[in-house]
Each structure stands twice: as structure tokens, then as C-alpha cells.
Amino acid sequence: MTEKRYLAQEGTKFYPVTHRDAVVGLDVANANEDGLMAKGDKVKLDKLQVEPIEGLKFKSPNGSIFVLSVSDDGKPTFTKDG
């Protein structure tokens, strides 16, 4: 690993600011290629829903999928998916 190096100006030490595009070999991850994170982690991250969540999927012991949603009056409702 390369040693960290700092710059000094008038006795004050600092690290220069750069951009990820300026670092050779530091790529953004996608579903097919590792980068700043593993491609598998990128796939998981892309599956996360942004709030507010409209429905949560649950799997029953027999493998059936159910969606939990909330009605306009706040009552929870489970609906079989598919």
C-alpha cells in the first residue's frame, strides 16, 4: 500500500482534495462490476425502497409471498402476491 503523503503550506499540513475520477482504478460499482463496493452489494443496495414504503413483502414458511400494506384509515392488510 502506498504511504499517505501530505502537503504543507506555511507550516500547516493538509491533504489535497481530489475527485474519484482522478484516482486510477477506483471505479463506481454496478450490477456487473466491482468498484467502490462489491457488485453483489450494489445489487442489494439497488433493491432497497426509498421511503415512504407502499408495501412490504413477507415470505411464509411454505414459500408463499404476502404484501403488507396500510389502508387510508391506518388498518394493516395482508394480500397474497401473485
N, C-alpha and C. Protein backbone atom coordinates (compact mmCIF):
# COMPACT_ATOMS: atom_id res chain seq x y z
N MET A 1 0.85 -1.18 0.00
CA MET A 1 0.00 0.00 0.00
C MET A 1 0.89 1.24 0.00
N THR A 2 0.48 2.24 -0.73
CA THR A 2 1.22 3.49 -0.80
C THR A 2 1.06 4.28 0.49
N GLU A 3 2.15 4.86 0.91
CA GLU A 3 2.13 5.67 2.13
C GLU A 3 1.35 6.97 1.88
N LYS A 4 0.58 7.41 2.89
CA LYS A 4 -0.13 8.68 2.77
C LYS A 4 0.89 9.81 2.77
N ARG A 5 0.63 10.80 1.97
CA ARG A 5 1.52 11.96 1.91
C ARG A 5 0.69 13.21 2.08
N TYR A 6 1.23 14.16 2.75
CA TYR A 6 0.53 15.41 2.96
C TYR A 6 1.33 16.54 2.34
N LEU A 7 0.68 17.67 2.17
CA LEU A 7 1.33 18.88 1.70
C LEU A 7 1.41 19.83 2.89
N ALA A 8 2.33 20.76 2.82
CA ALA A 8 2.47 21.75 3.89
C ALA A 8 2.59 23.13 3.26
N GLN A 9 1.87 24.06 3.87
CA GLN A 9 1.95 25.44 3.41
C GLN A 9 2.03 26.32 4.65
N GLU A 10 3.12 27.07 4.75
CA GLU A 10 3.36 27.94 5.91
C GLU A 10 3.23 27.16 7.22
N GLY A 11 3.76 25.93 7.23
CA GLY A 11 3.77 25.12 8.43
C GLY A 11 2.49 24.34 8.71
N THR A 12 1.42 24.56 7.94
CA THR A 12 0.16 23.85 8.13
C THR A 12 0.12 22.65 7.19
N LYS A 13 -0.06 21.46 7.78
CA LYS A 13 -0.15 20.23 6.97
C LYS A 13 -1.58 20.03 6.50
N PHE A 14 -1.75 19.56 5.27
CA PHE A 14 -3.08 19.27 4.75
C PHE A 14 -2.98 18.20 3.67
N TYR A 15 -4.11 17.55 3.43
CA TYR A 15 -4.22 16.57 2.35
C TYR A 15 -5.01 17.22 1.22
N PRO A 16 -4.54 17.11 0.00
CA PRO A 16 -5.26 17.74 -1.11
C PRO A 16 -6.61 17.03 -1.35
N VAL A 17 -7.58 17.77 -1.78
CA VAL A 17 -8.89 17.23 -2.11
C VAL A 17 -8.84 16.80 -3.58
N THR A 18 -9.43 15.67 -3.87
CA THR A 18 -9.45 15.19 -5.24
C THR A 18 -10.84 14.64 -5.55
N HIS A 19 -11.00 14.07 -6.69
CA HIS A 19 -12.27 13.50 -7.13
C HIS A 19 -12.02 12.04 -7.48
N ARG A 20 -13.03 11.20 -7.33
CA ARG A 20 -12.85 9.76 -7.59
C ARG A 20 -12.39 9.49 -9.01
N ASP A 21 -12.78 10.37 -9.96
CA ASP A 21 -12.35 10.18 -11.34
C ASP A 21 -10.84 10.37 -11.50
N ALA A 22 -10.20 11.05 -10.53
CA ALA A 22 -8.76 11.30 -10.62
C ALA A 22 -7.94 10.17 -10.03
N VAL A 23 -8.59 9.17 -9.43
CA VAL A 23 -7.88 8.06 -8.82
C VAL A 23 -7.92 6.87 -9.77
N VAL A 24 -6.76 6.44 -10.24
CA VAL A 24 -6.67 5.33 -11.18
C VAL A 24 -7.14 4.05 -10.50
N GLY A 25 -8.05 3.33 -11.15
CA GLY A 25 -8.52 2.05 -10.65
C GLY A 25 -9.65 2.14 -9.64
N LEU A 26 -10.13 3.32 -9.36
CA LEU A 26 -11.23 3.50 -8.41
C LEU A 26 -12.50 3.76 -9.21
N ASP A 27 -13.28 2.71 -9.42
CA ASP A 27 -14.46 2.81 -10.27
C ASP A 27 -15.74 2.70 -9.44
N VAL A 28 -16.82 3.21 -9.99
CA VAL A 28 -18.13 3.09 -9.36
C VAL A 28 -18.67 1.70 -9.67
N ALA A 29 -19.22 1.05 -8.66
CA ALA A 29 -19.75 -0.31 -8.84
C ALA A 29 -21.06 -0.27 -9.62
N ASN A 30 -21.31 -1.35 -10.33
CA ASN A 30 -22.62 -1.57 -10.93
C ASN A 30 -22.97 -3.04 -10.74
N ALA A 31 -24.08 -3.47 -11.26
CA ALA A 31 -24.55 -4.84 -11.03
C ALA A 31 -23.62 -5.89 -11.64
N ASN A 32 -22.74 -5.49 -12.56
CA ASN A 32 -21.87 -6.44 -13.25
C ASN A 32 -20.39 -6.32 -12.89
N GLU A 33 -20.01 -5.20 -12.24
CA GLU A 33 -18.59 -4.94 -11.98
C GLU A 33 -18.38 -4.40 -10.58
N ASP A 34 -17.35 -4.91 -9.90
CA ASP A 34 -16.97 -4.34 -8.61
C ASP A 34 -16.42 -2.94 -8.83
N GLY A 35 -16.51 -2.13 -7.80
CA GLY A 35 -15.97 -0.77 -7.85
C GLY A 35 -15.71 -0.32 -6.44
N LEU A 36 -16.31 0.81 -6.04
CA LEU A 36 -16.17 1.29 -4.67
C LEU A 36 -16.79 0.31 -3.68
N MET A 37 -17.68 -0.55 -4.17
CA MET A 37 -18.27 -1.63 -3.37
C MET A 37 -18.35 -2.86 -4.27
N ALA A 38 -18.61 -4.00 -3.65
CA ALA A 38 -18.74 -5.24 -4.43
C ALA A 38 -20.01 -5.19 -5.27
N LYS A 39 -19.97 -5.80 -6.46
CA LYS A 39 -21.14 -5.77 -7.33
C LYS A 39 -22.36 -6.40 -6.66
N GLY A 40 -22.16 -7.43 -5.83
CA GLY A 40 -23.26 -8.06 -5.11
C GLY A 40 -23.91 -7.10 -4.12
N ASP A 41 -23.09 -6.29 -3.46
CA ASP A 41 -23.63 -5.29 -2.54
C ASP A 41 -24.39 -4.20 -3.29
N LYS A 42 -23.91 -3.85 -4.49
CA LYS A 42 -24.59 -2.84 -5.31
C LYS A 42 -25.97 -3.34 -5.71
N VAL A 43 -26.09 -4.62 -6.05
CA VAL A 43 -27.38 -5.20 -6.41
C VAL A 43 -28.33 -5.11 -5.21
N LYS A 44 -27.84 -5.46 -4.01
CA LYS A 44 -28.68 -5.38 -2.80
C LYS A 44 -29.10 -3.95 -2.53
N LEU A 45 -28.19 -3.01 -2.67
CA LEU A 45 -28.48 -1.62 -2.41
C LEU A 45 -29.55 -1.09 -3.37
N ASP A 46 -29.47 -1.51 -4.62
CA ASP A 46 -30.45 -1.06 -5.61
C ASP A 46 -31.85 -1.59 -5.33
N LYS A 47 -31.96 -2.69 -4.57
CA LYS A 47 -33.27 -3.27 -4.25
C LYS A 47 -33.98 -2.53 -3.12
N LEU A 48 -33.25 -1.72 -2.34
CA LEU A 48 -33.86 -1.01 -1.23
C LEU A 48 -34.87 0.01 -1.73
N GLN A 49 -35.99 0.10 -1.02
CA GLN A 49 -37.01 1.07 -1.38
C GLN A 49 -36.77 2.37 -0.64
N VAL A 50 -37.08 3.47 -1.30
CA VAL A 50 -36.98 4.78 -0.68
C VAL A 50 -38.32 5.07 -0.01
N GLU A 51 -38.24 5.65 1.19
CA GLU A 51 -39.47 5.96 1.93
C GLU A 51 -40.30 6.97 1.17
N PRO A 52 -41.61 7.01 1.33
CA PRO A 52 -42.40 6.09 2.14
C PRO A 52 -42.60 4.76 1.41
N ILE A 53 -42.60 3.70 2.18
CA ILE A 53 -42.77 2.37 1.62
C ILE A 53 -44.25 2.10 1.42
N GLU A 54 -44.61 1.62 0.24
CA GLU A 54 -46.01 1.35 -0.06
C GLU A 54 -46.44 -0.05 0.34
N GLY A 55 -45.52 -0.98 0.44
CA GLY A 55 -45.85 -2.34 0.81
C GLY A 55 -44.60 -3.14 1.12
N LEU A 56 -44.68 -3.98 2.13
CA LEU A 56 -43.56 -4.85 2.50
C LEU A 56 -43.90 -6.28 2.12
N LYS A 57 -42.95 -6.99 1.55
CA LYS A 57 -43.19 -8.38 1.17
C LYS A 57 -42.64 -9.30 2.26
N PHE A 58 -43.45 -10.30 2.62
CA PHE A 58 -43.08 -11.31 3.60
C PHE A 58 -43.24 -12.68 2.98
N LYS A 59 -42.36 -13.62 3.36
CA LYS A 59 -42.45 -14.99 2.86
C LYS A 59 -42.91 -15.89 4.00
N SER A 60 -43.97 -16.66 3.74
CA SER A 60 -44.48 -17.60 4.75
C SER A 60 -43.60 -18.84 4.77
N PRO A 61 -43.74 -19.69 5.79
CA PRO A 61 -42.93 -20.91 5.86
C PRO A 61 -43.04 -21.81 4.63
N ASN A 62 -44.20 -21.79 3.96
CA ASN A 62 -44.34 -22.65 2.77
C ASN A 62 -43.86 -21.96 1.49
N GLY A 63 -43.34 -20.74 1.61
CA GLY A 63 -42.78 -20.04 0.46
C GLY A 63 -43.73 -19.05 -0.20
N SER A 64 -44.99 -18.98 0.23
CA SER A 64 -45.92 -18.00 -0.34
C SER A 64 -45.48 -16.59 0.05
N ILE A 65 -45.72 -15.65 -0.85
CA ILE A 65 -45.35 -14.26 -0.61
C ILE A 65 -46.61 -13.45 -0.31
N PHE A 66 -46.55 -12.65 0.75
CA PHE A 66 -47.65 -11.78 1.12
C PHE A 66 -47.13 -10.35 1.21
N VAL A 67 -48.00 -9.39 0.80
CA VAL A 67 -47.65 -7.97 0.84
C VAL A 67 -48.44 -7.31 1.96
N LEU A 68 -47.74 -6.62 2.86
CA LEU A 68 -48.37 -5.87 3.93
C LEU A 68 -48.50 -4.43 3.48
N SER A 69 -49.72 -3.91 3.52
CA SER A 69 -49.95 -2.51 3.18
C SER A 69 -50.86 -1.91 4.24
N VAL A 70 -51.08 -0.60 4.16
CA VAL A 70 -51.90 0.11 5.13
C VAL A 70 -53.00 0.84 4.37
N SER A 71 -54.24 0.69 4.86
CA SER A 71 -55.38 1.37 4.22
C SER A 71 -55.36 2.85 4.59
N ASP A 72 -56.23 3.62 3.97
CA ASP A 72 -56.30 5.06 4.24
C ASP A 72 -56.68 5.38 5.68
N ASP A 73 -57.34 4.43 6.36
CA ASP A 73 -57.68 4.66 7.77
C ASP A 73 -56.69 3.99 8.72
N GLY A 74 -55.54 3.55 8.19
CA GLY A 74 -54.46 3.04 9.02
C GLY A 74 -54.53 1.57 9.38
N LYS A 75 -55.42 0.82 8.76
CA LYS A 75 -55.54 -0.61 9.08
C LYS A 75 -54.57 -1.43 8.22
N PRO A 76 -53.84 -2.35 8.86
CA PRO A 76 -52.91 -3.20 8.09
C PRO A 76 -53.68 -4.26 7.28
N THR A 77 -53.17 -4.53 6.09
CA THR A 77 -53.80 -5.52 5.21
C THR A 77 -52.72 -6.39 4.59
N PHE A 78 -52.90 -7.73 4.68
CA PHE A 78 -52.01 -8.66 4.01
C PHE A 78 -52.72 -9.18 2.77
N THR A 79 -52.02 -9.14 1.63
CA THR A 79 -52.56 -9.63 0.37
C THR A 79 -51.57 -10.60 -0.22
N LYS A 80 -52.07 -11.75 -0.69
CA LYS A 80 -51.18 -12.74 -1.31
C LYS A 80 -50.67 -12.18 -2.63
N ASP A 81 -49.37 -12.25 -2.82
CA ASP A 81 -48.74 -11.73 -4.04
C ASP A 81 -48.82 -12.76 -5.14
N GLY A 82 -49.20 -12.30 -6.32
CA GLY A 82 -49.22 -13.19 -7.47
C GLY A 82 -50.45 -13.97 -7.49
